């Protein structure tokens, strides 16, 4: 962020927002899979 503010101030906010969105979506996707995995284990008998 400090580097972008210095060399590319007009694009800094957009680039950082894109980067945080990508990181957040990847984590949410991963955690969502982990949640389903656990629900699959906990409620296996009912799901079967």
ModelCIF file with pLDDT and N, C-alpha, C, O atoms, coordinates in Angstrom:
data_MODEL
#
_entry.id   MODEL 
#
_entity.id                         1 
_entity.type                       polymer 
_entity.pdbx_number_of_molecules   1 
#
_entity_poly.entity_id                      1 
_entity_poly.type                           'polypeptide(L)' 
_entity_poly.nstd_linkage                   no 
_entity_poly.nstd_monomer                   no 
_entity_poly.pdbx_seq_one_letter_code       
;(UNK)(UNK)(UNK)(UNK)(UNK)(UNK)(UNK)(UNK)(UNK)(UNK)(UNK)(UNK)(UNK)(UNK)(UNK)(UNK)
(UNK)(UNK)(UNK)(UNK)(UNK)(UNK)(UNK)(UNK)(UNK)(UNK)(UNK)(UNK)(UNK)(UNK)(UNK)(UNK)
(UNK)(UNK)(UNK)(UNK)(UNK)(UNK)(UNK)(UNK)(UNK)(UNK)(UNK)(UNK)(UNK)(UNK)(UNK)(UNK)
;
_entity_poly.pdbx_seq_one_letter_code_can   XXXXXXXXXXXXXXXXXXXXXXXXXXXXXXXXXXXXXXXXXXXXXXXX 
_entity_poly.pdbx_strand_id                 A 
#
loop_
_entity_poly_seq.entity_id 
_entity_poly_seq.num 
_entity_poly_seq.mon_id 
_entity_poly_seq.hetero 
1 1  UNK n 
1 2  UNK n 
1 3  UNK n 
1 4  UNK n 
1 5  UNK n 
1 6  UNK n 
1 7  UNK n 
1 8  UNK n 
1 9  UNK n 
1 10 UNK n 
1 11 UNK n 
1 12 UNK n 
1 13 UNK n 
1 14 UNK n 
1 15 UNK n 
1 16 UNK n 
1 17 UNK n 
1 18 UNK n 
1 19 UNK n 
1 20 UNK n 
1 21 UNK n 
1 22 UNK n 
1 23 UNK n 
1 24 UNK n 
1 25 UNK n 
1 26 UNK n 
1 27 UNK n 
1 28 UNK n 
1 29 UNK n 
1 30 UNK n 
1 31 UNK n 
1 32 UNK n 
1 33 UNK n 
1 34 UNK n 
1 35 UNK n 
1 36 UNK n 
1 37 UNK n 
1 38 UNK n 
1 39 UNK n 
1 40 UNK n 
1 41 UNK n 
1 42 UNK n 
1 43 UNK n 
1 44 UNK n 
1 45 UNK n 
1 46 UNK n 
1 47 UNK n 
1 48 UNK n 
#
_struct_asym.id          A 
_struct_asym.entity_id   1 
#
loop_
_ma_qa_metric.id 
_ma_qa_metric.mode 
_ma_qa_metric.name 
_ma_qa_metric.software_group_id 
_ma_qa_metric.type 
1 global pLDDT . pLDDT 
2 local  pLDDT . pLDDT 
#
_ma_qa_metric_global.metric_id      1 
_ma_qa_metric_global.metric_value   96.31 
_ma_qa_metric_global.model_id       1 
_ma_qa_metric_global.ordinal_id     1 
#
loop_
_ma_qa_metric_local.label_asym_id 
_ma_qa_metric_local.label_comp_id 
_ma_qa_metric_local.label_seq_id 
_ma_qa_metric_local.metric_id 
_ma_qa_metric_local.metric_value 
_ma_qa_metric_local.model_id 
_ma_qa_metric_local.ordinal_id 
A UNK 1  2 97.00 1 1  
A UNK 2  2 97.00 1 2  
A UNK 3  2 96.00 1 3  
A UNK 4  2 97.00 1 4  
A UNK 5  2 96.00 1 5  
A UNK 6  2 96.00 1 6  
A UNK 7  2 94.00 1 7  
A UNK 8  2 93.00 1 8  
A UNK 9  2 95.00 1 9  
A UNK 10 2 95.00 1 10 
A UNK 11 2 94.00 1 11 
A UNK 12 2 97.00 1 12 
A UNK 13 2 96.00 1 13 
A UNK 14 2 96.00 1 14 
A UNK 15 2 97.00 1 15 
A UNK 16 2 97.00 1 16 
A UNK 17 2 97.00 1 17 
A UNK 18 2 96.00 1 18 
A UNK 19 2 97.00 1 19 
A UNK 20 2 98.00 1 20 
A UNK 21 2 98.00 1 21 
A UNK 22 2 98.00 1 22 
A UNK 23 2 97.00 1 23 
A UNK 24 2 97.00 1 24 
A UNK 25 2 97.00 1 25 
A UNK 26 2 97.00 1 26 
A UNK 27 2 97.00 1 27 
A UNK 28 2 97.00 1 28 
A UNK 29 2 97.00 1 29 
A UNK 30 2 95.00 1 30 
A UNK 31 2 95.00 1 31 
A UNK 32 2 97.00 1 32 
A UNK 33 2 96.00 1 33 
A UNK 34 2 95.00 1 34 
A UNK 35 2 97.00 1 35 
A UNK 36 2 97.00 1 36 
A UNK 37 2 95.00 1 37 
A UNK 38 2 95.00 1 38 
A UNK 39 2 97.00 1 39 
A UNK 40 2 97.00 1 40 
A UNK 41 2 95.00 1 41 
A UNK 42 2 96.00 1 42 
A UNK 43 2 97.00 1 43 
A UNK 44 2 97.00 1 44 
A UNK 45 2 96.00 1 45 
A UNK 46 2 97.00 1 46 
A UNK 47 2 97.00 1 47 
A UNK 48 2 96.00 1 48 
#
loop_
_atom_site.group_PDB 
_atom_site.id 
_atom_site.type_symbol 
_atom_site.label_atom_id 
_atom_site.label_alt_id 
_atom_site.label_comp_id 
_atom_site.label_asym_id 
_atom_site.label_entity_id 
_atom_site.label_seq_id 
_atom_site.pdbx_PDB_ins_code 
_atom_site.Cartn_x 
_atom_site.Cartn_y 
_atom_site.Cartn_z 
_atom_site.occupancy 
_atom_site.B_iso_or_equiv 
_atom_site.pdbx_formal_charge 
_atom_site.auth_seq_id 
_atom_site.auth_comp_id 
_atom_site.auth_asym_id 
_atom_site.auth_atom_id 
_atom_site.pdbx_PDB_model_num 
ATOM 1   N N  . UNK A 1 1  ? 0.821   -1.222  0.000  1.00 97.00 ? 1  UNK A N  1 
ATOM 2   C CA . UNK A 1 1  ? 0.000   0.000   0.000  1.00 97.00 ? 1  UNK A CA 1 
ATOM 3   C C  . UNK A 1 1  ? 0.857   1.275   0.000  1.00 97.00 ? 1  UNK A C  1 
ATOM 4   O O  . UNK A 1 1  ? 0.586   2.178   -0.792 1.00 97.00 ? 1  UNK A O  1 
ATOM 5   N N  . UNK A 1 2  ? 1.896   1.382   0.872  1.00 97.00 ? 2  UNK A N  1 
ATOM 6   C CA . UNK A 1 2  ? 2.733   2.589   0.809  1.00 97.00 ? 2  UNK A CA 1 
ATOM 7   C C  . UNK A 1 2  ? 3.418   2.764   -0.549 1.00 97.00 ? 2  UNK A C  1 
ATOM 8   O O  . UNK A 1 2  ? 3.560   3.888   -1.031 1.00 97.00 ? 2  UNK A O  1 
ATOM 9   N N  . UNK A 1 3  ? 3.845   1.652   -1.167 1.00 96.00 ? 3  UNK A N  1 
ATOM 10  C CA . UNK A 1 3  ? 4.483   1.749   -2.471 1.00 96.00 ? 3  UNK A CA 1 
ATOM 11  C C  . UNK A 1 3  ? 3.508   2.274   -3.528 1.00 96.00 ? 3  UNK A C  1 
ATOM 12  O O  . UNK A 1 3  ? 3.858   3.128   -4.343 1.00 96.00 ? 3  UNK A O  1 
ATOM 13  N N  . UNK A 1 4  ? 2.291   1.752   -3.500 1.00 97.00 ? 4  UNK A N  1 
ATOM 14  C CA . UNK A 1 4  ? 1.299   2.188   -4.491 1.00 97.00 ? 4  UNK A CA 1 
ATOM 15  C C  . UNK A 1 4  ? 0.907   3.653   -4.275 1.00 97.00 ? 4  UNK A C  1 
ATOM 16  O O  . UNK A 1 4  ? 0.719   4.391   -5.242 1.00 97.00 ? 4  UNK A O  1 
ATOM 17  N N  . UNK A 1 5  ? 0.785   4.068   -3.042 1.00 96.00 ? 5  UNK A N  1 
ATOM 18  C CA . UNK A 1 5  ? 0.442   5.470   -2.767 1.00 96.00 ? 5  UNK A CA 1 
ATOM 19  C C  . UNK A 1 5  ? 1.493   6.420   -3.338 1.00 96.00 ? 5  UNK A C  1 
ATOM 20  O O  . UNK A 1 5  ? 1.189   7.533   -3.765 1.00 96.00 ? 5  UNK A O  1 
ATOM 21  N N  . UNK A 1 6  ? 2.733   5.948   -3.332 1.00 96.00 ? 6  UNK A N  1 
ATOM 22  C CA . UNK A 1 6  ? 3.820   6.800   -3.805 1.00 96.00 ? 6  UNK A CA 1 
ATOM 23  C C  . UNK A 1 6  ? 3.934   6.809   -5.330 1.00 96.00 ? 6  UNK A C  1 
ATOM 24  O O  . UNK A 1 6  ? 4.075   7.871   -5.937 1.00 96.00 ? 6  UNK A O  1 
ATOM 25  N N  . UNK A 1 7  ? 3.872   5.633   -5.946 1.00 94.00 ? 7  UNK A N  1 
ATOM 26  C CA . UNK A 1 7  ? 4.139   5.585   -7.385 1.00 94.00 ? 7  UNK A CA 1 
ATOM 27  C C  . UNK A 1 7  ? 2.880   5.573   -8.245 1.00 94.00 ? 7  UNK A C  1 
ATOM 28  O O  . UNK A 1 7  ? 2.936   5.905   -9.429 1.00 94.00 ? 7  UNK A O  1 
ATOM 29  N N  . UNK A 1 8  ? 1.732   5.188   -7.654 1.00 93.00 ? 8  UNK A N  1 
ATOM 30  C CA . UNK A 1 8  ? 0.513   5.077   -8.453 1.00 93.00 ? 8  UNK A CA 1 
ATOM 31  C C  . UNK A 1 8  ? -0.704  5.448   -7.606 1.00 93.00 ? 8  UNK A C  1 
ATOM 32  O O  . UNK A 1 8  ? -1.590  4.620   -7.395 1.00 93.00 ? 8  UNK A O  1 
ATOM 33  N N  . UNK A 1 9  ? -0.750  6.697   -7.119 1.00 95.00 ? 9  UNK A N  1 
ATOM 34  C CA . UNK A 1 9  ? -1.800  7.071   -6.160 1.00 95.00 ? 9  UNK A CA 1 
ATOM 35  C C  . UNK A 1 9  ? -3.216  6.994   -6.723 1.00 95.00 ? 9  UNK A C  1 
ATOM 36  O O  . UNK A 1 9  ? -4.157  6.731   -5.976 1.00 95.00 ? 9  UNK A O  1 
ATOM 37  N N  . UNK A 1 10 ? -3.384  7.217   -8.017 1.00 95.00 ? 10 UNK A N  1 
ATOM 38  C CA . UNK A 1 10 ? -4.731  7.202   -8.592 1.00 95.00 ? 10 UNK A CA 1 
ATOM 39  C C  . UNK A 1 10 ? -5.315  5.799   -8.648 1.00 95.00 ? 10 UNK A C  1 
ATOM 40  O O  . UNK A 1 10 ? -6.535  5.636   -8.659 1.00 95.00 ? 10 UNK A O  1 
ATOM 41  N N  . UNK A 1 11 ? -4.450  4.777   -8.683 1.00 94.00 ? 11 UNK A N  1 
ATOM 42  C CA . UNK A 1 11 ? -4.914  3.397   -8.793 1.00 94.00 ? 11 UNK A CA 1 
ATOM 43  C C  . UNK A 1 11 ? -4.778  2.612   -7.490 1.00 94.00 ? 11 UNK A C  1 
ATOM 44  O O  . UNK A 1 11 ? -5.198  1.457   -7.412 1.00 94.00 ? 11 UNK A O  1 
ATOM 45  N N  . UNK A 1 12 ? -4.199  3.231   -6.479 1.00 97.00 ? 12 UNK A N  1 
ATOM 46  C CA . UNK A 1 12 ? -3.901  2.502   -5.233 1.00 97.00 ? 12 UNK A CA 1 
ATOM 47  C C  . UNK A 1 12 ? -5.150  1.879   -4.614 1.00 97.00 ? 12 UNK A C  1 
ATOM 48  O O  . UNK A 1 12 ? -5.169  0.687   -4.308 1.00 97.00 ? 12 UNK A O  1 
ATOM 49  N N  . UNK A 1 13 ? -6.181  2.683   -4.433 1.00 96.00 ? 13 UNK A N  1 
ATOM 50  C CA . UNK A 1 13 ? -7.388  2.181   -3.766 1.00 96.00 ? 13 UNK A CA 1 
ATOM 51  C C  . UNK A 1 13 ? -8.033  1.051   -4.546 1.00 96.00 ? 13 UNK A C  1 
ATOM 52  O O  . UNK A 1 13 ? -8.462  0.058   -3.959 1.00 96.00 ? 13 UNK A O  1 
ATOM 53  N N  . UNK A 1 14 ? -8.107  1.190   -5.863 1.00 96.00 ? 14 UNK A N  1 
ATOM 54  C CA . UNK A 1 14 ? -8.731  0.151   -6.692 1.00 96.00 ? 14 UNK A CA 1 
ATOM 55  C C  . UNK A 1 14 ? -7.947  -1.158  -6.617 1.00 96.00 ? 14 UNK A C  1 
ATOM 56  O O  . UNK A 1 14 ? -8.537  -2.225  -6.447 1.00 96.00 ? 14 UNK A O  1 
ATOM 57  N N  . UNK A 1 15 ? -6.628  -1.080  -6.741 1.00 97.00 ? 15 UNK A N  1 
ATOM 58  C CA . UNK A 1 15 ? -5.800  -2.293  -6.722 1.00 97.00 ? 15 UNK A CA 1 
ATOM 59  C C  . UNK A 1 15 ? -5.893  -2.984  -5.371 1.00 97.00 ? 15 UNK A C  1 
ATOM 60  O O  . UNK A 1 15 ? -6.030  -4.206  -5.305 1.00 97.00 ? 15 UNK A O  1 
ATOM 61  N N  . UNK A 1 16 ? -5.818  -2.210  -4.293 1.00 97.00 ? 16 UNK A N  1 
ATOM 62  C CA . UNK A 1 16 ? -5.897  -2.812  -2.959 1.00 97.00 ? 16 UNK A CA 1 
ATOM 63  C C  . UNK A 1 16 ? -7.274  -3.417  -2.720 1.00 97.00 ? 16 UNK A C  1 
ATOM 64  O O  . UNK A 1 16 ? -7.385  -4.474  -2.098 1.00 97.00 ? 16 UNK A O  1 
ATOM 65  N N  . UNK A 1 17 ? -8.311  -2.766  -3.200 1.00 97.00 ? 17 UNK A N  1 
ATOM 66  C CA . UNK A 1 17 ? -9.664  -3.309  -3.044 1.00 97.00 ? 17 UNK A CA 1 
ATOM 67  C C  . UNK A 1 17 ? -9.800  -4.633  -3.803 1.00 97.00 ? 17 UNK A C  1 
ATOM 68  O O  . UNK A 1 17 ? -10.373 -5.594  -3.290 1.00 97.00 ? 17 UNK A O  1 
ATOM 69  N N  . UNK A 1 18 ? -9.268  -4.673  -5.029 1.00 96.00 ? 18 UNK A N  1 
ATOM 70  C CA . UNK A 1 18 ? -9.288  -5.918  -5.807 1.00 96.00 ? 18 UNK A CA 1 
ATOM 71  C C  . UNK A 1 18 ? -8.546  -7.037  -5.080 1.00 96.00 ? 18 UNK A C  1 
ATOM 72  O O  . UNK A 1 18 ? -9.003  -8.179  -5.027 1.00 96.00 ? 18 UNK A O  1 
ATOM 73  N N  . UNK A 1 19 ? -7.396  -6.678  -4.525 1.00 97.00 ? 19 UNK A N  1 
ATOM 74  C CA . UNK A 1 19 ? -6.559  -7.685  -3.872 1.00 97.00 ? 19 UNK A CA 1 
ATOM 75  C C  . UNK A 1 19 ? -7.218  -8.229  -2.614 1.00 97.00 ? 19 UNK A C  1 
ATOM 76  O O  . UNK A 1 19 ? -7.200  -9.435  -2.365 1.00 97.00 ? 19 UNK A O  1 
ATOM 77  N N  . UNK A 1 20 ? -7.800  -7.331  -1.820 1.00 98.00 ? 20 UNK A N  1 
ATOM 78  C CA . UNK A 1 20 ? -8.500  -7.778  -0.610 1.00 98.00 ? 20 UNK A CA 1 
ATOM 79  C C  . UNK A 1 20 ? -9.741  -8.608  -0.960 1.00 98.00 ? 20 UNK A C  1 
ATOM 80  O O  . UNK A 1 20 ? -10.073 -9.566  -0.263 1.00 98.00 ? 20 UNK A O  1 
ATOM 81  N N  . UNK A 1 21 ? -10.411 -8.232  -2.033 1.00 98.00 ? 21 UNK A N  1 
ATOM 82  C CA . UNK A 1 21 ? -11.586 -9.008  -2.452 1.00 98.00 ? 21 UNK A CA 1 
ATOM 83  C C  . UNK A 1 21 ? -11.186 -10.407 -2.865 1.00 98.00 ? 21 UNK A C  1 
ATOM 84  O O  . UNK A 1 21 ? -11.848 -11.376 -2.493 1.00 98.00 ? 21 UNK A O  1 
ATOM 85  N N  . UNK A 1 22 ? -10.104 -10.528 -3.635 1.00 98.00 ? 22 UNK A N  1 
ATOM 86  C CA . UNK A 1 22 ? -9.636  -11.848 -4.065 1.00 98.00 ? 22 UNK A CA 1 
ATOM 87  C C  . UNK A 1 22 ? -9.242  -12.703 -2.868 1.00 98.00 ? 22 UNK A C  1 
ATOM 88  O O  . UNK A 1 22 ? -9.608  -13.875 -2.787 1.00 98.00 ? 22 UNK A O  1 
ATOM 89  N N  . UNK A 1 23 ? -8.491  -12.112 -1.935 1.00 97.00 ? 23 UNK A N  1 
ATOM 90  C CA . UNK A 1 23 ? -8.091  -12.860 -0.745 1.00 97.00 ? 23 UNK A CA 1 
ATOM 91  C C  . UNK A 1 23 ? -9.309  -13.282 0.074  1.00 97.00 ? 23 UNK A C  1 
ATOM 92  O O  . UNK A 1 23 ? -9.381  -14.416 0.548  1.00 97.00 ? 23 UNK A O  1 
ATOM 93  N N  . UNK A 1 24 ? -10.261 -12.372 0.238  1.00 97.00 ? 24 UNK A N  1 
ATOM 94  C CA . UNK A 1 24 ? -11.456 -12.674 1.039  1.00 97.00 ? 24 UNK A CA 1 
ATOM 95  C C  . UNK A 1 24 ? -12.301 -13.765 0.398  1.00 97.00 ? 24 UNK A C  1 
ATOM 96  O O  . UNK A 1 24 ? -12.771 -14.674 1.082  1.00 97.00 ? 24 UNK A O  1 
ATOM 97  N N  . UNK A 1 25 ? -12.495 -13.678 -0.910 1.00 97.00 ? 25 UNK A N  1 
ATOM 98  C CA . UNK A 1 25 ? -13.301 -14.689 -1.607 1.00 97.00 ? 25 UNK A CA 1 
ATOM 99  C C  . UNK A 1 25 ? -12.641 -16.059 -1.509 1.00 97.00 ? 25 UNK A C  1 
ATOM 100 O O  . UNK A 1 25 ? -13.322 -17.064 -1.311 1.00 97.00 ? 25 UNK A O  1 
ATOM 101 N N  . UNK A 1 26 ? -11.324 -16.102 -1.646 1.00 97.00 ? 26 UNK A N  1 
ATOM 102 C CA . UNK A 1 26 ? -10.634 -17.394 -1.559 1.00 97.00 ? 26 UNK A CA 1 
ATOM 103 C C  . UNK A 1 26 ? -10.790 -17.997 -0.166 1.00 97.00 ? 26 UNK A C  1 
ATOM 104 O O  . UNK A 1 26 ? -10.992 -19.204 -0.035 1.00 97.00 ? 26 UNK A O  1 
ATOM 105 N N  . UNK A 1 27 ? -10.700 -17.175 0.866  1.00 97.00 ? 27 UNK A N  1 
ATOM 106 C CA . UNK A 1 27 ? -10.847 -17.673 2.238  1.00 97.00 ? 27 UNK A CA 1 
ATOM 107 C C  . UNK A 1 27 ? -12.278 -18.112 2.501  1.00 97.00 ? 27 UNK A C  1 
ATOM 108 O O  . UNK A 1 27 ? -12.507 -19.170 3.088  1.00 97.00 ? 27 UNK A O  1 
ATOM 109 N N  . UNK A 1 28 ? -13.249 -17.300 2.066  1.00 97.00 ? 28 UNK A N  1 
ATOM 110 C CA . UNK A 1 28 ? -14.657 -17.654 2.258  1.00 97.00 ? 28 UNK A CA 1 
ATOM 111 C C  . UNK A 1 28 ? -14.976 -18.967 1.546  1.00 97.00 ? 28 UNK A C  1 
ATOM 112 O O  . UNK A 1 28 ? -15.686 -19.814 2.088  1.00 97.00 ? 28 UNK A O  1 
ATOM 113 N N  . UNK A 1 29 ? -14.454 -19.135 0.338  1.00 97.00 ? 29 UNK A N  1 
ATOM 114 C CA . UNK A 1 29 ? -14.689 -20.360 -0.421 1.00 97.00 ? 29 UNK A CA 1 
ATOM 115 C C  . UNK A 1 29 ? -14.100 -21.558 0.302  1.00 97.00 ? 29 UNK A C  1 
ATOM 116 O O  . UNK A 1 29 ? -14.739 -22.604 0.416  1.00 97.00 ? 29 UNK A O  1 
ATOM 117 N N  . UNK A 1 30 ? -12.871 -21.398 0.791  1.00 95.00 ? 30 UNK A N  1 
ATOM 118 C CA . UNK A 1 30 ? -12.200 -22.482 1.506  1.00 95.00 ? 30 UNK A CA 1 
ATOM 119 C C  . UNK A 1 30 ? -12.938 -22.829 2.799  1.00 95.00 ? 30 UNK A C  1 
ATOM 120 O O  . UNK A 1 30 ? -13.186 -24.000 3.087  1.00 95.00 ? 30 UNK A O  1 
ATOM 121 N N  . UNK A 1 31 ? -13.284 -21.807 3.570  1.00 95.00 ? 31 UNK A N  1 
ATOM 122 C CA . UNK A 1 31 ? -13.983 -22.034 4.840  1.00 95.00 ? 31 UNK A CA 1 
ATOM 123 C C  . UNK A 1 31 ? -15.370 -22.627 4.591  1.00 95.00 ? 31 UNK A C  1 
ATOM 124 O O  . UNK A 1 31 ? -15.843 -23.457 5.366  1.00 95.00 ? 31 UNK A O  1 
ATOM 125 N N  . UNK A 1 32 ? -16.020 -22.196 3.501  1.00 97.00 ? 32 UNK A N  1 
ATOM 126 C CA . UNK A 1 32 ? -17.313 -22.782 3.154  1.00 97.00 ? 32 UNK A CA 1 
ATOM 127 C C  . UNK A 1 32 ? -17.199 -24.270 2.886  1.00 97.00 ? 32 UNK A C  1 
ATOM 128 O O  . UNK A 1 32 ? -18.049 -25.051 3.314  1.00 97.00 ? 32 UNK A O  1 
ATOM 129 N N  . UNK A 1 33 ? -16.144 -24.666 2.176  1.00 96.00 ? 33 UNK A N  1 
ATOM 130 C CA . UNK A 1 33 ? -15.908 -26.093 1.944  1.00 96.00 ? 33 UNK A CA 1 
ATOM 131 C C  . UNK A 1 33 ? -15.656 -26.843 3.234  1.00 96.00 ? 33 UNK A C  1 
ATOM 132 O O  . UNK A 1 33 ? -16.144 -27.957 3.422  1.00 96.00 ? 33 UNK A O  1 
ATOM 133 N N  . UNK A 1 34 ? -14.881 -26.219 4.137  1.00 95.00 ? 34 UNK A N  1 
ATOM 134 C CA . UNK A 1 34 ? -14.593 -26.843 5.429  1.00 95.00 ? 34 UNK A CA 1 
ATOM 135 C C  . UNK A 1 34 ? -15.867 -27.031 6.253  1.00 95.00 ? 34 UNK A C  1 
ATOM 136 O O  . UNK A 1 34 ? -16.043 -28.053 6.917  1.00 95.00 ? 34 UNK A O  1 
ATOM 137 N N  . UNK A 1 35 ? -16.754 -26.027 6.201  1.00 97.00 ? 35 UNK A N  1 
ATOM 138 C CA . UNK A 1 35 ? -18.028 -26.113 6.924  1.00 97.00 ? 35 UNK A CA 1 
ATOM 139 C C  . UNK A 1 35 ? -18.870 -27.279 6.389  1.00 97.00 ? 35 UNK A C  1 
ATOM 140 O O  . UNK A 1 35 ? -19.409 -28.066 7.166  1.00 97.00 ? 35 UNK A O  1 
ATOM 141 N N  . UNK A 1 36 ? -18.979 -27.385 5.070  1.00 97.00 ? 36 UNK A N  1 
ATOM 142 C CA . UNK A 1 36 ? -19.767 -28.466 4.480  1.00 97.00 ? 36 UNK A CA 1 
ATOM 143 C C  . UNK A 1 36 ? -19.159 -29.821 4.830  1.00 97.00 ? 36 UNK A C  1 
ATOM 144 O O  . UNK A 1 36 ? -19.883 -30.775 5.114  1.00 97.00 ? 36 UNK A O  1 
ATOM 145 N N  . UNK A 1 37 ? -17.833 -29.904 4.810  1.00 95.00 ? 37 UNK A N  1 
ATOM 146 C CA . UNK A 1 37 ? -17.137 -31.141 5.174  1.00 95.00 ? 37 UNK A CA 1 
ATOM 147 C C  . UNK A 1 37 ? -17.535 -31.572 6.587  1.00 95.00 ? 37 UNK A C  1 
ATOM 148 O O  . UNK A 1 37 ? -17.833 -32.743 6.822  1.00 95.00 ? 37 UNK A O  1 
ATOM 149 N N  . UNK A 1 38 ? -17.538 -30.625 7.521  1.00 95.00 ? 38 UNK A N  1 
ATOM 150 C CA . UNK A 1 38 ? -17.899 -30.961 8.893  1.00 95.00 ? 38 UNK A CA 1 
ATOM 151 C C  . UNK A 1 38 ? -19.367 -31.343 9.028  1.00 95.00 ? 38 UNK A C  1 
ATOM 152 O O  . UNK A 1 38 ? -19.695 -32.274 9.764  1.00 95.00 ? 38 UNK A O  1 
ATOM 153 N N  . UNK A 1 39 ? -20.256 -30.639 8.328  1.00 97.00 ? 39 UNK A N  1 
ATOM 154 C CA . UNK A 1 39 ? -21.669 -30.992 8.352  1.00 97.00 ? 39 UNK A CA 1 
ATOM 155 C C  . UNK A 1 39 ? -21.889 -32.394 7.775  1.00 97.00 ? 39 UNK A C  1 
ATOM 156 O O  . UNK A 1 39 ? -22.747 -33.144 8.242  1.00 97.00 ? 39 UNK A O  1 
ATOM 157 N N  . UNK A 1 40 ? -21.104 -32.730 6.760  1.00 97.00 ? 40 UNK A N  1 
ATOM 158 C CA . UNK A 1 40 ? -21.181 -34.061 6.151  1.00 97.00 ? 40 UNK A CA 1 
ATOM 159 C C  . UNK A 1 40 ? -20.805 -35.133 7.165  1.00 97.00 ? 40 UNK A C  1 
ATOM 160 O O  . UNK A 1 40 ? -21.419 -36.199 7.202  1.00 97.00 ? 40 UNK A O  1 
ATOM 161 N N  . UNK A 1 41 ? -19.792 -34.851 7.992  1.00 95.00 ? 41 UNK A N  1 
ATOM 162 C CA . UNK A 1 41 ? -19.373 -35.810 9.009  1.00 95.00 ? 41 UNK A CA 1 
ATOM 163 C C  . UNK A 1 41 ? -20.397 -35.902 10.149 1.00 95.00 ? 41 UNK A C  1 
ATOM 164 O O  . UNK A 1 41 ? -20.728 -36.994 10.612 1.00 95.00 ? 41 UNK A O  1 
ATOM 165 N N  . UNK A 1 42 ? -20.887 -34.750 10.588 1.00 96.00 ? 42 UNK A N  1 
ATOM 166 C CA . UNK A 1 42 ? -21.784 -34.717 11.746 1.00 96.00 ? 42 UNK A CA 1 
ATOM 167 C C  . UNK A 1 42 ? -23.140 -35.351 11.438 1.00 96.00 ? 42 UNK A C  1 
ATOM 168 O O  . UNK A 1 42 ? -23.686 -36.092 12.256 1.00 96.00 ? 42 UNK A O  1 
ATOM 169 N N  . UNK A 1 43 ? -23.682 -35.055 10.248 1.00 97.00 ? 43 UNK A N  1 
ATOM 170 C CA . UNK A 1 43 ? -25.026 -35.509 9.906  1.00 97.00 ? 43 UNK A CA 1 
ATOM 171 C C  . UNK A 1 43 ? -25.007 -36.647 8.881  1.00 97.00 ? 43 UNK A C  1 
ATOM 172 O O  . UNK A 1 43 ? -25.944 -36.810 8.100  1.00 97.00 ? 43 UNK A O  1 
ATOM 173 N N  . UNK A 1 44 ? -23.935 -37.422 8.899  1.00 97.00 ? 44 UNK A N  1 
ATOM 174 C CA . UNK A 1 44 ? -23.761 -38.471 7.889  1.00 97.00 ? 44 UNK A CA 1 
ATOM 175 C C  . UNK A 1 44 ? -24.930 -39.459 7.867  1.00 97.00 ? 44 UNK A C  1 
ATOM 176 O O  . UNK A 1 44 ? -25.421 -39.811 6.794  1.00 97.00 ? 44 UNK A O  1 
ATOM 177 N N  . UNK A 1 45 ? -25.372 -39.900 9.025  1.00 96.00 ? 45 UNK A N  1 
ATOM 178 C CA . UNK A 1 45 ? -26.439 -40.904 9.072  1.00 96.00 ? 45 UNK A CA 1 
ATOM 179 C C  . UNK A 1 45 ? -27.715 -40.375 8.416  1.00 96.00 ? 45 UNK A C  1 
ATOM 180 O O  . UNK A 1 45 ? -28.370 -41.086 7.655  1.00 96.00 ? 45 UNK A O  1 
ATOM 181 N N  . UNK A 1 46 ? -28.055 -39.146 8.711  1.00 97.00 ? 46 UNK A N  1 
ATOM 182 C CA . UNK A 1 46 ? -29.266 -38.555 8.134  1.00 97.00 ? 46 UNK A CA 1 
ATOM 183 C C  . UNK A 1 46 ? -29.100 -38.327 6.622  1.00 97.00 ? 46 UNK A C  1 
ATOM 184 O O  . UNK A 1 46 ? -30.027 -38.542 5.842  1.00 97.00 ? 46 UNK A O  1 
ATOM 185 N N  . UNK A 1 47 ? -27.911 -37.892 6.237  1.00 97.00 ? 47 UNK A N  1 
ATOM 186 C CA . UNK A 1 47 ? -27.648 -37.661 4.817  1.00 97.00 ? 47 UNK A CA 1 
ATOM 187 C C  . UNK A 1 47 ? -27.690 -38.967 4.027  1.00 97.00 ? 47 UNK A C  1 
ATOM 188 O O  . UNK A 1 47 ? -28.179 -39.004 2.897  1.00 97.00 ? 47 UNK A O  1 
ATOM 189 N N  . UNK A 1 48 ? -27.175 -40.030 4.628  1.00 96.00 ? 48 UNK A N  1 
ATOM 190 C CA . UNK A 1 48 ? -27.189 -41.327 3.950  1.00 96.00 ? 48 UNK A CA 1 
ATOM 191 C C  . UNK A 1 48 ? -28.623 -41.805 3.725  1.00 96.00 ? 48 UNK A C  1 
ATOM 192 O O  . UNK A 1 48 ? -28.834 -42.881 3.166  1.00 96.00 ? 48 UNK A O  1 
#
